[in-house]
Amino acid sequence: MMRVVLDANVFVSAILTPHGETARVLRAWREEQFHLIVSEPIMREIGRVLLYPKLKKRHGWSPVMIRQFLEDLASVSILTPGEIHLSIIRDDPSDDRYLECAVEGEADVIVSGDHHLRDLGSYRGIPILSVKEFFEVLV
């Protein structure tokens, strides 16, 4: 089964737009169509972004609900140990966390809408795909 790293923007978009394409990615994961790989830095980023006041208004989740979501996510995903540290993306070094997670978790693909990652195309043979491209290889 495919091993996949999802960018925080995929999670946040899926939460904000539960009937959109990104939500379809999370449904595919819940239906066990792929294994999800996450890291502590990725989960912290998801939590931080979900706490932005503008986004909190849109999703309506309390900090407790966000914490529970992240705990649930960690319990049903493959959690990487966080031992690899890379410096690849100069324009946005925080995006390196996705490459680190993918390498450490032996991912088959990274799914992201972030142009810093997408511009790489791939890293160490791991393709970096949009949501649309991901569905083309998932089926």
Protein backbone atom coordinates (compact mmCIF):
# COMPACT_ATOMS: atom_id res chain seq x y z
CA MET A 1 0.00 0.00 0.00
CA MET A 2 1.22 3.50 -0.86
CA ARG A 3 2.87 5.54 1.93
CA VAL A 4 1.93 9.24 1.76
CA VAL A 5 2.95 12.49 3.44
CA LEU A 6 0.28 15.20 3.31
CA ASP A 7 1.15 18.86 3.61
CA ALA A 8 -0.60 20.73 6.44
CA ASN A 9 -2.41 22.77 3.79
CA VAL A 10 -4.16 19.59 2.64
CA PHE A 11 -5.43 18.88 6.16
CA VAL A 12 -6.52 22.46 6.79
CA SER A 13 -8.23 22.77 3.42
CA ALA A 14 -10.06 19.47 4.02
CA ILE A 15 -11.30 20.71 7.40
CA LEU A 16 -12.43 24.06 5.97
CA THR A 17 -14.00 22.54 2.85
CA PRO A 18 -15.39 19.13 3.89
CA HIS A 19 -16.84 18.41 0.44
CA GLY A 20 -13.82 19.49 -1.59
CA GLU A 21 -11.00 17.59 -3.27
CA THR A 22 -8.72 17.79 -0.24
CA ALA A 23 -11.43 16.27 1.95
CA ARG A 24 -11.57 13.45 -0.58
CA VAL A 25 -7.90 12.76 0.17
CA LEU A 26 -8.66 12.34 3.87
CA ARG A 27 -11.63 10.10 3.04
CA ALA A 28 -9.37 7.91 0.89
CA TRP A 29 -6.97 7.63 3.82
CA ARG A 30 -9.79 6.75 6.26
CA GLU A 31 -10.94 4.12 3.75
CA GLU A 32 -7.41 2.67 4.00
CA GLN A 33 -6.45 3.39 0.40
CA PHE A 34 -3.01 4.55 1.58
CA HIS A 35 -0.87 4.76 4.72
CA LEU A 36 -0.45 8.25 6.15
CA ILE A 37 2.98 9.29 7.41
CA VAL A 38 3.25 12.26 9.79
CA SER A 39 5.85 13.86 12.02
CA GLU A 40 5.65 15.96 15.17
CA PRO A 41 6.64 19.14 13.25
CA ILE A 42 3.86 18.55 10.70
CA MET A 43 1.31 17.98 13.44
CA ARG A 44 2.45 21.14 15.25
CA GLU A 45 2.03 23.10 12.01
CA ILE A 46 -1.50 21.74 11.49
CA GLY A 47 -2.41 22.72 15.06
CA ARG A 48 -0.84 26.16 14.76
CA VAL A 49 -2.63 26.96 11.51
CA LEU A 50 -5.99 25.69 12.80
CA LEU A 51 -5.62 28.13 15.72
CA TYR A 52 -5.34 31.19 13.45
CA PRO A 53 -8.29 33.40 14.49
CA LYS A 54 -9.55 33.82 10.92
CA LEU A 55 -9.57 30.05 10.38
CA LYS A 56 -11.04 29.27 13.82
CA LYS A 57 -14.06 31.35 12.81
CA ARG A 58 -14.48 29.22 9.71
CA HIS A 59 -14.05 25.73 11.18
CA GLY A 60 -15.49 26.42 14.64
CA TRP A 61 -13.24 23.92 16.42
CA SER A 62 -12.17 24.64 19.99
CA PRO A 63 -8.52 24.20 21.03
CA VAL A 64 -9.59 20.97 22.77
CA MET A 65 -11.14 19.66 19.52
CA ILE A 66 -7.98 20.54 17.60
CA ARG A 67 -5.81 18.78 20.19
CA GLN A 68 -8.08 15.71 20.03
CA PHE A 69 -7.90 15.69 16.22
CA LEU A 70 -4.08 15.74 16.37
CA GLU A 71 -3.97 13.00 19.01
CA ASP A 72 -6.29 10.86 16.90
CA LEU A 73 -4.20 11.58 13.83
CA ALA A 74 -1.01 10.51 15.60
CA SER A 75 -2.61 7.32 16.87
CA VAL A 76 -3.70 6.07 13.44
CA SER A 77 -0.75 7.26 11.32
CA ILE A 78 2.84 6.23 10.91
CA LEU A 79 4.74 8.70 13.10
CA THR A 80 8.36 9.33 12.10
CA PRO A 81 11.00 9.71 14.83
CA GLY A 82 12.24 13.12 13.63
CA GLU A 83 15.93 12.23 13.43
CA ILE A 84 16.59 13.50 9.89
CA HIS A 85 17.20 17.22 9.36
CA LEU A 86 17.44 18.67 5.86
CA SER A 87 18.13 22.13 4.43
CA ILE A 88 16.78 21.98 0.90
CA ILE A 89 14.13 24.69 0.46
CA ARG A 90 15.90 28.01 0.90
CA ASP A 91 12.85 30.22 0.27
CA ASP A 92 10.79 28.49 2.97
CA PRO A 93 12.95 26.28 5.23
CA SER A 94 9.88 25.20 7.24
CA ASP A 95 8.83 23.14 4.20
CA ASP A 96 11.85 20.91 4.75
CA ARG A 97 9.80 19.11 7.43
CA TYR A 98 7.80 17.39 4.66
CA LEU A 99 10.93 16.16 2.93
CA GLU A 100 12.35 14.96 6.26
CA CYS A 101 9.14 13.10 7.08
CA ALA A 102 8.99 11.56 3.61
CA VAL A 103 12.58 10.35 3.68
CA GLU A 104 12.33 9.04 7.23
CA GLY A 105 8.97 7.41 6.65
CA GLU A 106 10.01 5.92 3.31
CA ALA A 107 7.11 7.67 1.59
CA ASP A 108 6.05 6.90 -1.94
CA VAL A 109 4.67 10.40 -2.47
CA ILE A 110 4.21 13.85 -0.90
CA VAL A 111 0.90 15.63 -1.58
CA SER A 112 1.07 19.41 -1.41
CA GLY A 113 -0.30 22.60 -2.87
CA ASP A 114 2.73 24.59 -1.67
CA HIS A 115 4.71 25.94 -4.61
CA HIS A 116 8.05 25.68 -2.77
CA LEU A 117 7.57 21.91 -2.56
CA ARG A 118 5.81 21.53 -5.91
CA ASP A 119 8.61 23.38 -7.70
CA LEU A 120 11.02 20.61 -6.61
CA GLY A 121 8.94 18.04 -8.51
CA SER A 122 10.47 15.25 -6.45
CA TYR A 123 13.06 14.66 -3.77
CA ARG A 124 15.24 11.53 -3.59
CA GLY A 125 12.87 9.83 -6.00
CA ILE A 126 9.75 10.77 -3.99
CA PRO A 127 7.32 12.65 -6.27
CA ILE A 128 5.67 15.79 -4.92
CA LEU A 129 2.15 15.88 -6.33
CA SER A 130 -0.90 18.11 -6.27
CA VAL A 131 -4.16 16.65 -4.96
CA LYS A 132 -5.36 16.14 -8.53
CA GLU A 133 -2.15 14.37 -9.55
CA PHE A 134 -2.32 12.22 -6.42
CA PHE A 135 -5.76 10.89 -7.37
CA GLU A 136 -4.42 9.98 -10.81
CA VAL A 137 -1.82 7.67 -9.24
CA LEU A 138 -3.98 6.46 -6.34
CA VAL A 139 -6.53 4.67 -8.52
